[in-house]
Amino acid sequence: MFKSFFSRAAAVAAPLVLLIGEAHASLPTGVTDAVTAGGVDGASLMGALASTGAGLYIVWKILKKAGIML
């Protein structure tokens, strides 16, 4: 049962992957550059948010240990 399911899923997924690749290849250069820059900006934002969260967690732990914050 699973073997036939996965073979059908692979048969459906293979043409979709080819279509997506062709659609991406037909994008203008400006759009491709904008998508790449957006990904870099998003990664920078996530890094900044993660480091801010870690900093707030450390400050919270220090204040809790000092008895200032419950």
N, C-alpha and C. Protein backbone atom coordinates (compact mmCIF):
# COMPACT_ATOMS: atom_id res chain seq x y z
N MET A 1 0.83 -1.19 0.00
CA MET A 1 0.00 0.00 0.00
C MET A 1 0.87 1.25 0.00
N PHE A 2 1.85 1.32 0.93
CA PHE A 2 2.68 2.51 1.01
C PHE A 2 3.56 2.66 -0.23
N LYS A 3 3.99 1.54 -0.77
CA LYS A 3 4.86 1.60 -1.93
C LYS A 3 4.12 2.23 -3.12
N SER A 4 2.87 1.85 -3.32
CA SER A 4 2.11 2.42 -4.43
C SER A 4 1.79 3.89 -4.16
N PHE A 5 1.55 4.23 -2.90
CA PHE A 5 1.27 5.63 -2.56
C PHE A 5 2.47 6.51 -2.86
N PHE A 6 3.66 6.07 -2.41
CA PHE A 6 4.85 6.87 -2.63
C PHE A 6 5.24 6.94 -4.10
N SER A 7 5.00 5.88 -4.84
CA SER A 7 5.31 5.93 -6.27
C SER A 7 4.36 6.89 -6.98
N ARG A 8 3.10 6.93 -6.57
CA ARG A 8 2.16 7.89 -7.15
C ARG A 8 2.54 9.32 -6.76
N ALA A 9 2.92 9.51 -5.51
CA ALA A 9 3.30 10.84 -5.05
C ALA A 9 4.53 11.32 -5.81
N ALA A 10 5.48 10.45 -6.04
CA ALA A 10 6.67 10.83 -6.79
C ALA A 10 6.32 11.14 -8.24
N ALA A 11 5.39 10.39 -8.80
CA ALA A 11 4.99 10.64 -10.19
C ALA A 11 4.28 11.98 -10.32
N VAL A 12 3.57 12.41 -9.30
CA VAL A 12 2.90 13.71 -9.33
C VAL A 12 3.88 14.83 -9.03
N ALA A 13 4.81 14.60 -8.11
CA ALA A 13 5.72 15.66 -7.67
C ALA A 13 6.78 16.00 -8.71
N ALA A 14 7.23 15.03 -9.48
CA ALA A 14 8.31 15.27 -10.44
C ALA A 14 7.94 16.34 -11.48
N PRO A 15 6.79 16.26 -12.12
CA PRO A 15 6.45 17.33 -13.08
C PRO A 15 6.27 18.69 -12.42
N LEU A 16 5.75 18.70 -11.19
CA LEU A 16 5.57 19.97 -10.49
C LEU A 16 6.90 20.64 -10.22
N VAL A 17 7.90 19.86 -9.84
CA VAL A 17 9.24 20.41 -9.59
C VAL A 17 9.81 21.00 -10.88
N LEU A 18 9.60 20.32 -11.98
CA LEU A 18 10.09 20.85 -13.26
C LEU A 18 9.38 22.14 -13.64
N LEU A 19 8.07 22.21 -13.40
CA LEU A 19 7.32 23.42 -13.71
C LEU A 19 7.77 24.59 -12.85
N ILE A 20 8.02 24.33 -11.58
CA ILE A 20 8.48 25.40 -10.68
C ILE A 20 9.85 25.89 -11.11
N GLY A 21 10.72 24.97 -11.48
CA GLY A 21 12.05 25.37 -11.95
C GLY A 21 11.99 26.21 -13.21
N GLU A 22 11.11 25.85 -14.14
CA GLU A 22 10.95 26.63 -15.36
C GLU A 22 10.35 27.99 -15.06
N ALA A 23 9.41 28.06 -14.15
CA ALA A 23 8.80 29.34 -13.80
C ALA A 23 9.82 30.25 -13.15
N HIS A 24 10.67 29.69 -12.31
CA HIS A 24 11.69 30.50 -11.66
C HIS A 24 12.74 30.97 -12.67
N ALA A 25 13.06 30.13 -13.64
CA ALA A 25 14.05 30.50 -14.65
C ALA A 25 13.55 31.62 -15.55
N SER A 26 12.23 31.75 -15.69
CA SER A 26 11.70 32.78 -16.58
C SER A 26 11.51 34.13 -15.89
N LEU A 27 11.83 34.23 -14.61
CA LEU A 27 11.71 35.51 -13.91
C LEU A 27 12.76 36.49 -14.40
N PRO A 28 12.43 37.78 -14.47
CA PRO A 28 13.44 38.77 -14.83
C PRO A 28 14.54 38.84 -13.77
N THR A 29 15.67 39.35 -14.15
CA THR A 29 16.82 39.42 -13.25
C THR A 29 16.52 40.30 -12.03
N GLY A 30 15.81 41.38 -12.23
CA GLY A 30 15.48 42.27 -11.11
C GLY A 30 14.64 41.59 -10.05
N VAL A 31 13.72 40.76 -10.48
CA VAL A 31 12.86 40.05 -9.53
C VAL A 31 13.69 39.03 -8.75
N THR A 32 14.56 38.32 -9.45
CA THR A 32 15.41 37.34 -8.78
C THR A 32 16.32 38.02 -7.76
N ASP A 33 16.88 39.17 -8.11
CA ASP A 33 17.72 39.91 -7.17
C ASP A 33 16.92 40.39 -5.97
N ALA A 34 15.69 40.83 -6.20
CA ALA A 34 14.86 41.32 -5.09
C ALA A 34 14.49 40.18 -4.14
N VAL A 35 14.20 39.02 -4.70
CA VAL A 35 13.86 37.86 -3.85
C VAL A 35 15.07 37.46 -3.02
N THR A 36 16.25 37.46 -3.63
CA THR A 36 17.48 37.12 -2.91
C THR A 36 17.76 38.13 -1.81
N ALA A 37 17.63 39.42 -2.11
CA ALA A 37 17.87 40.46 -1.11
C ALA A 37 16.85 40.36 0.02
N GLY A 38 15.61 40.05 -0.32
CA GLY A 38 14.58 39.88 0.71
C GLY A 38 14.90 38.73 1.65
N GLY A 39 15.45 37.66 1.09
CA GLY A 39 15.85 36.53 1.93
C GLY A 39 16.97 36.90 2.88
N VAL A 40 17.92 37.69 2.39
CA VAL A 40 19.03 38.14 3.23
C VAL A 40 18.51 39.07 4.32
N ASP A 41 17.60 39.98 3.96
CA ASP A 41 17.03 40.89 4.95
C ASP A 41 16.23 40.13 6.00
N GLY A 42 15.50 39.13 5.56
CA GLY A 42 14.72 38.33 6.51
C GLY A 42 15.62 37.56 7.47
N ALA A 43 16.72 37.03 6.96
CA ALA A 43 17.66 36.30 7.83
C ALA A 43 18.31 37.25 8.82
N SER A 44 18.63 38.45 8.38
CA SER A 44 19.20 39.46 9.30
C SER A 44 18.21 39.82 10.39
N LEU A 45 16.95 39.99 10.01
CA LEU A 45 15.91 40.31 10.99
C LEU A 45 15.74 39.19 12.00
N MET A 46 15.73 37.95 11.53
CA MET A 46 15.57 36.83 12.45
C MET A 46 16.77 36.71 13.40
N GLY A 47 17.96 36.99 12.90
CA GLY A 47 19.14 36.99 13.76
C GLY A 47 19.07 38.06 14.82
N ALA A 48 18.62 39.25 14.43
CA ALA A 48 18.49 40.34 15.40
C ALA A 48 17.44 40.02 16.45
N LEU A 49 16.32 39.46 16.03
CA LEU A 49 15.27 39.10 16.99
C LEU A 49 15.72 37.99 17.93
N ALA A 50 16.45 37.03 17.41
CA ALA A 50 16.94 35.93 18.26
C ALA A 50 17.94 36.44 19.29
N SER A 51 18.85 37.32 18.87
CA SER A 51 19.83 37.83 19.83
C SER A 51 19.17 38.74 20.86
N THR A 52 18.17 39.50 20.46
CA THR A 52 17.44 40.34 21.42
C THR A 52 16.70 39.47 22.43
N GLY A 53 16.07 38.41 21.95
CA GLY A 53 15.37 37.50 22.85
C GLY A 53 16.32 36.83 23.83
N ALA A 54 17.49 36.42 23.35
CA ALA A 54 18.47 35.80 24.23
C ALA A 54 18.96 36.79 25.28
N GLY A 55 19.18 38.03 24.87
CA GLY A 55 19.61 39.06 25.82
C GLY A 55 18.57 39.33 26.89
N LEU A 56 17.31 39.42 26.48
CA LEU A 56 16.24 39.65 27.45
C LEU A 56 16.11 38.46 28.41
N TYR A 57 16.30 37.26 27.90
CA TYR A 57 16.23 36.07 28.76
C TYR A 57 17.35 36.09 29.79
N ILE A 58 18.55 36.46 29.38
CA ILE A 58 19.68 36.52 30.31
C ILE A 58 19.46 37.57 31.38
N VAL A 59 18.98 38.74 30.98
CA VAL A 59 18.69 39.80 31.96
C VAL A 59 17.61 39.34 32.93
N TRP A 60 16.57 38.68 32.41
CA TRP A 60 15.50 38.18 33.26
C TRP A 60 16.03 37.17 34.29
N LYS A 61 16.91 36.27 33.83
CA LYS A 61 17.48 35.29 34.75
C LYS A 61 18.33 35.96 35.83
N ILE A 62 19.12 36.97 35.46
CA ILE A 62 19.95 37.67 36.44
C ILE A 62 19.07 38.40 37.46
N LEU A 63 18.04 39.09 36.98
CA LEU A 63 17.15 39.80 37.90
C LEU A 63 16.39 38.83 38.81
N LYS A 64 16.01 37.70 38.28
CA LYS A 64 15.31 36.71 39.08
C LYS A 64 16.23 36.14 40.17
N LYS A 65 17.49 35.89 39.79
CA LYS A 65 18.46 35.36 40.76
C LYS A 65 18.76 36.39 41.84
N ALA A 66 18.77 37.67 41.47
CA ALA A 66 19.04 38.73 42.45
C ALA A 66 17.83 39.01 43.34
N GLY A 67 16.68 38.44 42.99
CA GLY A 67 15.49 38.64 43.80
C GLY A 67 14.74 39.91 43.48
N ILE A 68 15.13 40.59 42.42
CA ILE A 68 14.46 41.83 42.03
C ILE A 68 13.15 41.53 41.31
N MET A 69 13.15 40.46 40.56
CA MET A 69 11.98 40.12 39.76
C MET A 69 11.48 38.75 40.18
N LEU A 70 10.17 38.63 40.31
CA LEU A 70 9.61 37.34 40.73
C LEU A 70 9.38 36.46 39.60
